[in-house]
Amino acid sequence: MFTTVLMIEQPLAPADVEMVTTLHGDEQISFVVLMQPRGDQDRLLRAVDDVALGYLDDAARENRVPEGDEALPPAERALAYSLEALRAAGAEAVGELVSRHPLDLLKTVVERTGADEVIVLTAPHFVEEFFHRDWTSRARHKVGVPVLKLFAQHEPEGDEAEKDGSA
């Protein structure tokens, strides 16, 4: 069994599920999913990234996206939805919300599970990436296993976006 710690910040789109469950061919995969709820500290960075990607409507809505304690219920729904999608694709999957210090939790989960790799599935974060302050860059120096960065599919407005509270 190949164990992957999967860090996400939005519900998995069907294309995301297919991508992460087929990376290792026919090998059986077990996922430990860490869902990062939205925080108010990164609102400006998200808006800049939305503008850079041409998602102007998303940038205009950043101030209406739940943050802090208000972000927990949408994050819990997004996590549950993502775990179910992974299981439906034939993978084992458990998960938890990241409440504080995501990289400390990541290191603990990698050690506790004997994970083979970490996948950070995220939207592009140009500002953080430029300064190597994104999860992937920071995790590579902390966890002791390969860290792969993949870009999540941008969900159109509708049912999927409502699961994470971003609509």
N, C-alpha and C. Protein backbone atom coordinates (compact mmCIF):
# COMPACT_ATOMS: atom_id res chain seq x y z
N MET A 1 0.85 -1.18 0.00
CA MET A 1 0.00 0.00 0.00
C MET A 1 0.89 1.24 0.00
N PHE A 2 0.61 2.14 -0.92
CA PHE A 2 1.35 3.39 -1.05
C PHE A 2 0.56 4.46 -0.31
N THR A 3 1.20 5.17 0.63
CA THR A 3 0.52 6.16 1.44
C THR A 3 0.92 7.57 1.01
N THR A 4 -0.10 8.36 0.71
CA THR A 4 0.09 9.74 0.28
C THR A 4 -0.62 10.67 1.25
N VAL A 5 0.09 11.68 1.72
CA VAL A 5 -0.55 12.76 2.46
C VAL A 5 -0.91 13.82 1.44
N LEU A 6 -2.18 14.16 1.37
CA LEU A 6 -2.70 15.08 0.36
C LEU A 6 -3.18 16.34 1.06
N MET A 7 -2.50 17.45 0.80
CA MET A 7 -2.90 18.74 1.38
C MET A 7 -3.77 19.47 0.35
N ILE A 8 -4.97 19.88 0.79
CA ILE A 8 -5.89 20.57 -0.12
C ILE A 8 -6.45 21.81 0.56
N GLU A 9 -7.00 22.71 -0.26
CA GLU A 9 -7.62 23.92 0.28
C GLU A 9 -9.00 24.16 -0.32
N GLN A 10 -9.45 23.24 -1.16
CA GLN A 10 -10.79 23.30 -1.74
C GLN A 10 -11.22 21.87 -2.01
N PRO A 11 -12.53 21.64 -2.21
CA PRO A 11 -12.97 20.27 -2.49
C PRO A 11 -12.33 19.76 -3.78
N LEU A 12 -12.07 18.48 -3.81
CA LEU A 12 -11.47 17.89 -5.00
C LEU A 12 -12.47 17.86 -6.15
N ALA A 13 -12.06 18.35 -7.28
CA ALA A 13 -12.85 18.24 -8.50
C ALA A 13 -12.66 16.83 -9.05
N PRO A 14 -13.59 16.35 -9.87
CA PRO A 14 -13.40 15.01 -10.45
C PRO A 14 -12.05 14.83 -11.14
N ALA A 15 -11.58 15.85 -11.84
CA ALA A 15 -10.28 15.75 -12.51
C ALA A 15 -9.15 15.63 -11.48
N ASP A 16 -9.28 16.29 -10.33
CA ASP A 16 -8.28 16.17 -9.27
C ASP A 16 -8.23 14.75 -8.74
N VAL A 17 -9.41 14.18 -8.49
CA VAL A 17 -9.48 12.81 -7.97
C VAL A 17 -8.82 11.85 -8.96
N GLU A 18 -9.15 11.99 -10.22
CA GLU A 18 -8.55 11.11 -11.24
C GLU A 18 -7.04 11.27 -11.27
N MET A 19 -6.58 12.51 -11.19
CA MET A 19 -5.14 12.77 -11.26
C MET A 19 -4.40 12.11 -10.09
N VAL A 20 -4.87 12.31 -8.87
CA VAL A 20 -4.12 11.79 -7.72
C VAL A 20 -4.28 10.29 -7.54
N THR A 21 -5.39 9.73 -8.00
CA THR A 21 -5.57 8.28 -7.83
C THR A 21 -4.92 7.46 -8.93
N THR A 22 -4.48 8.11 -10.00
CA THR A 22 -3.84 7.37 -11.09
C THR A 22 -2.35 7.66 -11.22
N LEU A 23 -1.81 8.47 -10.35
CA LEU A 23 -0.38 8.82 -10.43
C LEU A 23 0.54 7.60 -10.36
N HIS A 24 0.14 6.60 -9.62
CA HIS A 24 1.00 5.44 -9.40
C HIS A 24 0.45 4.18 -10.07
N GLY A 25 -0.23 4.38 -11.19
CA GLY A 25 -0.74 3.24 -11.95
C GLY A 25 -1.76 2.45 -11.17
N ASP A 26 -1.58 1.15 -11.14
CA ASP A 26 -2.54 0.25 -10.50
C ASP A 26 -2.25 0.02 -9.03
N GLU A 27 -1.22 0.64 -8.49
CA GLU A 27 -0.87 0.45 -7.08
C GLU A 27 -1.99 0.97 -6.18
N GLN A 28 -2.32 0.19 -5.16
CA GLN A 28 -3.34 0.61 -4.19
C GLN A 28 -2.80 1.79 -3.38
N ILE A 29 -3.62 2.84 -3.23
CA ILE A 29 -3.18 4.05 -2.55
C ILE A 29 -4.07 4.33 -1.35
N SER A 30 -3.42 4.78 -0.30
CA SER A 30 -4.11 5.23 0.90
C SER A 30 -3.80 6.72 1.06
N PHE A 31 -4.85 7.52 1.20
CA PHE A 31 -4.68 8.96 1.34
C PHE A 31 -4.99 9.41 2.76
N VAL A 32 -4.17 10.31 3.25
CA VAL A 32 -4.48 11.06 4.45
C VAL A 32 -4.62 12.50 3.97
N VAL A 33 -5.84 13.01 4.01
CA VAL A 33 -6.14 14.32 3.45
C VAL A 33 -6.15 15.36 4.56
N LEU A 34 -5.37 16.41 4.36
CA LEU A 34 -5.33 17.54 5.29
C LEU A 34 -5.98 18.72 4.59
N MET A 35 -7.10 19.17 5.12
CA MET A 35 -7.86 20.27 4.53
C MET A 35 -7.56 21.55 5.29
N GLN A 36 -7.04 22.54 4.56
CA GLN A 36 -6.72 23.84 5.16
C GLN A 36 -7.90 24.79 4.98
N PRO A 37 -8.61 25.13 6.07
CA PRO A 37 -9.68 26.12 5.93
C PRO A 37 -9.09 27.47 5.54
N ARG A 38 -9.90 28.29 4.91
CA ARG A 38 -9.44 29.62 4.51
C ARG A 38 -9.16 30.47 5.74
N GLY A 39 -8.10 31.26 5.63
CA GLY A 39 -7.77 32.17 6.72
C GLY A 39 -7.78 33.60 6.23
N ASP A 40 -8.09 34.51 7.12
CA ASP A 40 -8.16 35.92 6.71
C ASP A 40 -6.79 36.50 6.38
N GLN A 41 -5.72 35.85 6.86
CA GLN A 41 -4.39 36.38 6.63
C GLN A 41 -3.97 36.30 5.17
N ASP A 42 -4.64 35.47 4.37
CA ASP A 42 -4.22 35.34 2.98
C ASP A 42 -5.25 35.88 1.98
N ARG A 43 -6.19 36.68 2.44
CA ARG A 43 -7.22 37.24 1.55
C ARG A 43 -6.60 38.05 0.42
N LEU A 44 -5.69 38.94 0.73
CA LEU A 44 -5.06 39.78 -0.29
C LEU A 44 -4.29 38.92 -1.29
N LEU A 45 -3.54 37.94 -0.81
CA LEU A 45 -2.78 37.07 -1.71
C LEU A 45 -3.71 36.29 -2.63
N ARG A 46 -4.84 35.81 -2.11
CA ARG A 46 -5.79 35.10 -2.95
C ARG A 46 -6.35 36.03 -4.03
N ALA A 47 -6.66 37.27 -3.65
CA ALA A 47 -7.20 38.22 -4.62
C ALA A 47 -6.18 38.52 -5.71
N VAL A 48 -4.92 38.70 -5.34
CA VAL A 48 -3.87 38.96 -6.34
C VAL A 48 -3.74 37.77 -7.28
N ASP A 49 -3.76 36.56 -6.73
CA ASP A 49 -3.68 35.36 -7.56
C ASP A 49 -4.88 35.25 -8.49
N ASP A 50 -6.08 35.55 -7.98
CA ASP A 50 -7.28 35.51 -8.82
C ASP A 50 -7.15 36.47 -9.99
N VAL A 51 -6.67 37.68 -9.73
CA VAL A 51 -6.50 38.66 -10.80
C VAL A 51 -5.46 38.17 -11.80
N ALA A 52 -4.36 37.64 -11.31
CA ALA A 52 -3.30 37.16 -12.20
C ALA A 52 -3.78 36.02 -13.09
N LEU A 53 -4.70 35.21 -12.58
CA LEU A 53 -5.23 34.09 -13.36
C LEU A 53 -6.43 34.47 -14.21
N GLY A 54 -6.86 35.72 -14.11
CA GLY A 54 -8.00 36.17 -14.90
C GLY A 54 -9.35 35.86 -14.28
N TYR A 55 -9.36 35.45 -13.01
CA TYR A 55 -10.62 35.16 -12.32
C TYR A 55 -11.08 36.41 -11.59
N LEU A 56 -11.45 37.43 -12.34
CA LEU A 56 -11.78 38.72 -11.75
C LEU A 56 -13.01 38.64 -10.85
N ASP A 57 -14.00 37.84 -11.22
CA ASP A 57 -15.18 37.70 -10.38
C ASP A 57 -14.81 37.10 -9.03
N ASP A 58 -13.89 36.12 -9.03
CA ASP A 58 -13.45 35.52 -7.77
C ASP A 58 -12.73 36.54 -6.90
N ALA A 59 -11.89 37.36 -7.51
CA ALA A 59 -11.17 38.39 -6.76
C ALA A 59 -12.14 39.35 -6.10
N ALA A 60 -13.20 39.71 -6.82
CA ALA A 60 -14.19 40.65 -6.28
C ALA A 60 -14.97 40.04 -5.12
N ARG A 61 -15.07 38.70 -5.08
CA ARG A 61 -15.82 38.04 -4.01
C ARG A 61 -14.97 37.65 -2.81
N GLU A 62 -13.68 37.88 -2.83
CA GLU A 62 -12.81 37.44 -1.73
C GLU A 62 -13.27 37.95 -0.37
N ASN A 63 -13.83 39.15 -0.30
CA ASN A 63 -14.25 39.67 1.00
C ASN A 63 -15.53 39.00 1.50
N ARG A 64 -16.19 38.19 0.67
CA ARG A 64 -17.41 37.50 1.09
C ARG A 64 -17.16 36.03 1.42
N VAL A 65 -15.94 35.57 1.27
CA VAL A 65 -15.60 34.17 1.53
C VAL A 65 -15.45 33.99 3.05
N PRO A 66 -16.11 32.95 3.61
CA PRO A 66 -15.98 32.72 5.05
C PRO A 66 -14.53 32.50 5.45
N GLU A 67 -14.15 33.07 6.59
CA GLU A 67 -12.79 32.94 7.10
C GLU A 67 -12.83 32.68 8.59
N GLY A 68 -11.71 32.26 9.15
CA GLY A 68 -11.63 32.00 10.59
C GLY A 68 -12.61 30.91 10.99
N ASP A 69 -13.32 31.11 12.11
CA ASP A 69 -14.27 30.11 12.59
C ASP A 69 -15.41 29.88 11.60
N GLU A 70 -15.77 30.91 10.84
CA GLU A 70 -16.84 30.76 9.85
C GLU A 70 -16.42 29.84 8.70
N ALA A 71 -15.13 29.65 8.52
CA ALA A 71 -14.64 28.80 7.43
C ALA A 71 -14.65 27.32 7.80
N LEU A 72 -14.83 26.99 9.08
CA LEU A 72 -14.76 25.59 9.50
C LEU A 72 -15.88 24.73 8.93
N PRO A 73 -17.17 25.12 9.02
CA PRO A 73 -18.21 24.25 8.44
C PRO A 73 -18.04 24.01 6.93
N PRO A 74 -17.74 25.04 6.12
CA PRO A 74 -17.52 24.75 4.70
C PRO A 74 -16.30 23.85 4.48
N ALA A 75 -15.26 24.02 5.29
CA ALA A 75 -14.07 23.17 5.15
C ALA A 75 -14.39 21.73 5.53
N GLU A 76 -15.21 21.54 6.56
CA GLU A 76 -15.61 20.18 6.95
C GLU A 76 -16.40 19.52 5.83
N ARG A 77 -17.30 20.27 5.19
CA ARG A 77 -18.07 19.72 4.07
C ARG A 77 -17.15 19.39 2.89
N ALA A 78 -16.20 20.28 2.61
CA ALA A 78 -15.27 20.05 1.51
C ALA A 78 -14.42 18.81 1.78
N LEU A 79 -13.98 18.64 3.01
CA LEU A 79 -13.18 17.46 3.37
C LEU A 79 -14.01 16.19 3.21
N ALA A 80 -15.23 16.18 3.73
CA ALA A 80 -16.09 15.00 3.63
C ALA A 80 -16.36 14.65 2.17
N TYR A 81 -16.65 15.66 1.37
CA TYR A 81 -16.90 15.46 -0.06
C TYR A 81 -15.66 14.85 -0.73
N SER A 82 -14.48 15.39 -0.42
CA SER A 82 -13.24 14.92 -1.04
C SER A 82 -12.91 13.49 -0.63
N LEU A 83 -13.11 13.17 0.66
CA LEU A 83 -12.85 11.80 1.12
C LEU A 83 -13.77 10.81 0.41
N GLU A 84 -15.03 11.17 0.29
CA GLU A 84 -15.99 10.30 -0.39
C GLU A 84 -15.60 10.11 -1.86
N ALA A 85 -15.16 11.17 -2.51
CA ALA A 85 -14.75 11.08 -3.91
C ALA A 85 -13.54 10.16 -4.08
N LEU A 86 -12.58 10.25 -3.17
CA LEU A 86 -11.41 9.37 -3.23
C LEU A 86 -11.81 7.91 -3.01
N ARG A 87 -12.69 7.69 -2.04
CA ARG A 87 -13.15 6.32 -1.76
C ARG A 87 -13.93 5.76 -2.95
N ALA A 88 -14.76 6.60 -3.57
CA ALA A 88 -15.52 6.15 -4.74
C ALA A 88 -14.60 5.76 -5.89
N ALA A 89 -13.40 6.35 -5.92
CA ALA A 89 -12.42 6.02 -6.96
C ALA A 89 -11.59 4.79 -6.59
N GLY A 90 -11.88 4.19 -5.43
CA GLY A 90 -11.21 2.95 -5.05
C GLY A 90 -10.04 3.11 -4.10
N ALA A 91 -9.79 4.31 -3.62
CA ALA A 91 -8.67 4.54 -2.69
C ALA A 91 -9.18 4.51 -1.24
N GLU A 92 -8.28 4.18 -0.34
CA GLU A 92 -8.57 4.37 1.08
C GLU A 92 -8.32 5.84 1.39
N ALA A 93 -9.15 6.44 2.25
CA ALA A 93 -8.98 7.85 2.54
C ALA A 93 -9.52 8.20 3.92
N VAL A 94 -8.68 8.89 4.68
CA VAL A 94 -9.07 9.49 5.95
C VAL A 94 -8.59 10.93 5.90
N GLY A 95 -9.07 11.76 6.81
CA GLY A 95 -8.62 13.14 6.75
C GLY A 95 -8.95 13.92 8.00
N GLU A 96 -8.41 15.12 8.02
CA GLU A 96 -8.67 16.03 9.13
C GLU A 96 -8.47 17.46 8.68
N LEU A 97 -9.10 18.37 9.43
CA LEU A 97 -8.90 19.79 9.17
C LEU A 97 -7.60 20.24 9.81
N VAL A 98 -6.96 21.17 9.17
CA VAL A 98 -5.75 21.77 9.72
C VAL A 98 -6.20 22.94 10.58
N SER A 99 -5.94 22.85 11.88
CA SER A 99 -6.39 23.93 12.75
C SER A 99 -5.30 24.96 13.01
N ARG A 100 -4.06 24.54 13.09
CA ARG A 100 -2.95 25.45 13.32
C ARG A 100 -1.68 24.84 12.77
N HIS A 101 -0.76 25.67 12.39
CA HIS A 101 0.57 25.24 11.96
C HIS A 101 0.52 24.06 10.99
N PRO A 102 0.10 24.30 9.76
CA PRO A 102 -0.08 23.20 8.81
C PRO A 102 1.18 22.38 8.57
N LEU A 103 2.33 22.99 8.57
CA LEU A 103 3.54 22.22 8.28
C LEU A 103 3.96 21.35 9.46
N ASP A 104 3.68 21.80 10.68
CA ASP A 104 3.95 20.95 11.84
C ASP A 104 3.04 19.73 11.80
N LEU A 105 1.76 19.95 11.49
CA LEU A 105 0.82 18.83 11.38
C LEU A 105 1.26 17.90 10.25
N LEU A 106 1.65 18.47 9.14
CA LEU A 106 2.10 17.66 8.00
C LEU A 106 3.24 16.74 8.40
N LYS A 107 4.23 17.29 9.07
CA LYS A 107 5.38 16.48 9.50
C LYS A 107 4.94 15.37 10.45
N THR A 108 4.07 15.69 11.38
CA THR A 108 3.57 14.69 12.33
C THR A 108 2.81 13.58 11.61
N VAL A 109 1.95 13.94 10.66
CA VAL A 109 1.16 12.94 9.93
C VAL A 109 2.08 12.07 9.08
N VAL A 110 3.07 12.65 8.42
CA VAL A 110 4.01 11.86 7.62
C VAL A 110 4.73 10.84 8.51
N GLU A 111 5.19 11.28 9.66
CA GLU A 111 5.90 10.38 10.57
C GLU A 111 4.97 9.31 11.12
N ARG A 112 3.77 9.70 11.54
CA ARG A 112 2.82 8.77 12.16
C ARG A 112 2.35 7.70 11.18
N THR A 113 2.15 8.07 9.93
CA THR A 113 1.61 7.13 8.95
C THR A 113 2.68 6.42 8.14
N GLY A 114 3.92 6.87 8.22
CA GLY A 114 4.97 6.31 7.37
C GLY A 114 4.71 6.62 5.91
N ALA A 115 4.18 7.80 5.64
CA ALA A 115 3.80 8.20 4.28
C ALA A 115 4.98 8.11 3.32
N ASP A 116 4.66 7.76 2.09
CA ASP A 116 5.66 7.66 1.04
C ASP A 116 5.89 8.98 0.32
N GLU A 117 4.88 9.84 0.34
CA GLU A 117 4.99 11.12 -0.36
C GLU A 117 3.96 12.09 0.19
N VAL A 118 4.16 13.35 -0.18
CA VAL A 118 3.19 14.40 0.10
C VAL A 118 2.82 15.02 -1.24
N ILE A 119 1.53 15.22 -1.45
CA ILE A 119 1.05 15.96 -2.61
C ILE A 119 0.35 17.21 -2.09
N VAL A 120 0.79 18.35 -2.57
CA VAL A 120 0.13 19.61 -2.26
C VAL A 120 -0.69 19.96 -3.50
N LEU A 121 -2.00 19.88 -3.35
CA LEU A 121 -2.92 20.16 -4.46
C LEU A 121 -3.54 21.52 -4.19
N THR A 122 -3.12 22.51 -4.94
CA THR A 122 -3.48 23.87 -4.62
C THR A 122 -3.71 24.69 -5.88
N ALA A 123 -4.38 25.80 -5.71
CA ALA A 123 -4.45 26.78 -6.79
C ALA A 123 -3.10 27.46 -6.88
N PRO A 124 -2.75 28.02 -8.02
CA PRO A 124 -1.49 28.76 -8.10
C PRO A 124 -1.49 29.94 -7.12
N HIS A 125 -0.38 30.11 -6.44
CA HIS A 125 -0.21 31.23 -5.51
C HIS A 125 1.08 31.95 -5.92
N PHE A 126 0.95 32.83 -6.89
CA PHE A 126 2.13 33.45 -7.50
C PHE A 126 3.01 34.20 -6.51
N VAL A 127 2.43 34.99 -5.65
CA VAL A 127 3.22 35.79 -4.71
C VAL A 127 3.98 34.89 -3.76
N GLU A 128 3.28 33.93 -3.14
CA GLU A 128 3.94 33.02 -2.21
C GLU A 128 5.00 32.16 -2.90
N GLU A 129 4.69 31.69 -4.11
CA GLU A 129 5.64 30.86 -4.84
C GLU A 129 6.89 31.64 -5.21
N PHE A 130 6.71 32.89 -5.61
CA PHE A 130 7.85 33.71 -5.98
C PHE A 130 8.85 33.83 -4.83
N PHE A 131 8.32 33.96 -3.62
CA PHE A 131 9.19 34.10 -2.44
C PHE A 131 9.43 32.77 -1.73
N HIS A 132 9.01 31.67 -2.36
CA HIS A 132 9.19 30.33 -1.79
C HIS A 132 8.57 30.21 -0.41
N ARG A 133 7.40 30.83 -0.24
CA ARG A 133 6.69 30.77 1.03
C ARG A 133 5.44 29.89 0.92
N ASP A 134 5.26 29.23 -0.22
CA ASP A 134 4.11 28.36 -0.41
C ASP A 134 4.33 27.04 0.34
N TRP A 135 3.26 26.30 0.55
CA TRP A 135 3.33 25.04 1.30
C TRP A 135 4.36 24.10 0.73
N THR A 136 4.38 23.97 -0.58
CA THR A 136 5.28 22.98 -1.20
C THR A 136 6.73 23.31 -0.92
N SER A 137 7.12 24.54 -1.15
CA SER A 137 8.51 24.93 -0.93
C SER A 137 8.91 24.73 0.52
N ARG A 138 8.04 25.11 1.42
CA ARG A 138 8.35 24.99 2.85
C ARG A 138 8.34 23.53 3.30
N ALA A 139 7.40 22.73 2.76
CA ALA A 139 7.31 21.33 3.17
C ALA A 139 8.52 20.53 2.75
N ARG A 140 9.10 20.86 1.61
CA ARG A 140 10.26 20.10 1.11
C ARG A 140 11.41 20.12 2.11
N HIS A 141 11.48 21.12 2.93
CA HIS A 141 12.57 21.23 3.91
C HIS A 141 12.19 20.64 5.26
N LYS A 142 10.97 20.12 5.38
CA LYS A 142 10.49 19.73 6.70
C LYS A 142 10.11 18.26 6.84
N VAL A 143 9.63 17.60 5.78
CA VAL A 143 8.98 16.32 5.98
C VAL A 143 9.82 15.08 5.71
N GLY A 144 10.86 15.17 4.92
CA GLY A 144 11.73 14.02 4.71
C GLY A 144 11.23 13.00 3.69
N VAL A 145 10.17 13.32 2.95
CA VAL A 145 9.70 12.46 1.86
C VAL A 145 9.49 13.35 0.64
N PRO A 146 9.39 12.77 -0.55
CA PRO A 146 9.16 13.60 -1.73
C PRO A 146 7.86 14.41 -1.60
N VAL A 147 7.92 15.66 -2.07
CA VAL A 147 6.76 16.56 -2.04
C VAL A 147 6.48 16.98 -3.48
N LEU A 148 5.29 16.67 -3.93
CA LEU A 148 4.86 16.98 -5.28
C LEU A 148 3.81 18.07 -5.24
N LYS A 149 3.96 19.08 -6.09
CA LYS A 149 2.96 20.14 -6.18
C LYS A 149 2.15 19.94 -7.44
N LEU A 150 0.84 19.90 -7.29
CA LEU A 150 -0.08 19.80 -8.41
C LEU A 150 -1.08 20.94 -8.31
N PHE A 151 -1.52 21.43 -9.46
CA PHE A 151 -2.49 22.51 -9.44
C PHE A 151 -3.89 21.93 -9.52
N ALA A 152 -4.71 22.34 -8.55
CA ALA A 152 -6.10 21.91 -8.49
C ALA A 152 -6.89 22.53 -9.64
N GLN A 153 -7.93 21.85 -10.04
CA GLN A 153 -8.81 22.38 -11.06
C GLN A 153 -9.62 23.52 -10.46
N HIS A 154 -9.77 24.58 -11.20
CA HIS A 154 -10.58 25.71 -10.75
C HIS A 154 -12.03 25.36 -10.99
N GLU A 155 -12.81 25.30 -9.93
CA GLU A 155 -14.21 24.94 -10.05
C GLU A 155 -15.03 26.13 -10.54
N PRO A 156 -15.89 25.90 -11.50
CA PRO A 156 -16.81 26.96 -11.91
C PRO A 156 -17.82 27.19 -10.79
N GLU A 157 -18.50 28.33 -10.86
CA GLU A 157 -19.53 28.60 -9.86
C GLU A 157 -20.56 27.50 -9.92
N GLY A 158 -21.12 27.18 -8.76
CA GLY A 158 -22.15 26.17 -8.74
C GLY A 158 -21.98 25.25 -7.56
N ASP A 159 -22.42 24.01 -7.72
CA ASP A 159 -22.48 23.05 -6.62
C ASP A 159 -21.14 22.82 -5.94
N GLU A 160 -20.08 22.61 -6.70
CA GLU A 160 -18.78 22.31 -6.09
C GLU A 160 -18.27 23.49 -5.29
N ALA A 161 -18.40 24.69 -5.82
CA ALA A 161 -17.90 25.87 -5.11
C ALA A 161 -18.68 26.08 -3.83
N GLU A 162 -19.96 25.72 -3.82
CA GLU A 162 -20.76 25.90 -2.61
C GLU A 162 -20.30 24.99 -1.49
N LYS A 163 -19.68 23.87 -1.83
CA LYS A 163 -19.21 22.95 -0.79
C LYS A 163 -18.11 23.56 0.06
N ASP A 164 -17.31 24.47 -0.52
CA ASP A 164 -16.26 25.09 0.27
C ASP A 164 -16.61 26.50 0.70
N GLY A 165 -17.83 26.93 0.40
CA GLY A 165 -18.28 28.23 0.85
C GLY A 165 -17.77 29.39 0.02
N SER A 166 -17.22 29.11 -1.15
CA SER A 166 -16.64 30.21 -1.92
C SER A 166 -17.60 30.81 -2.94
N ALA A 167 -18.80 30.29 -3.02
CA ALA A 167 -19.76 30.85 -3.98
C ALA A 167 -20.56 31.96 -3.36
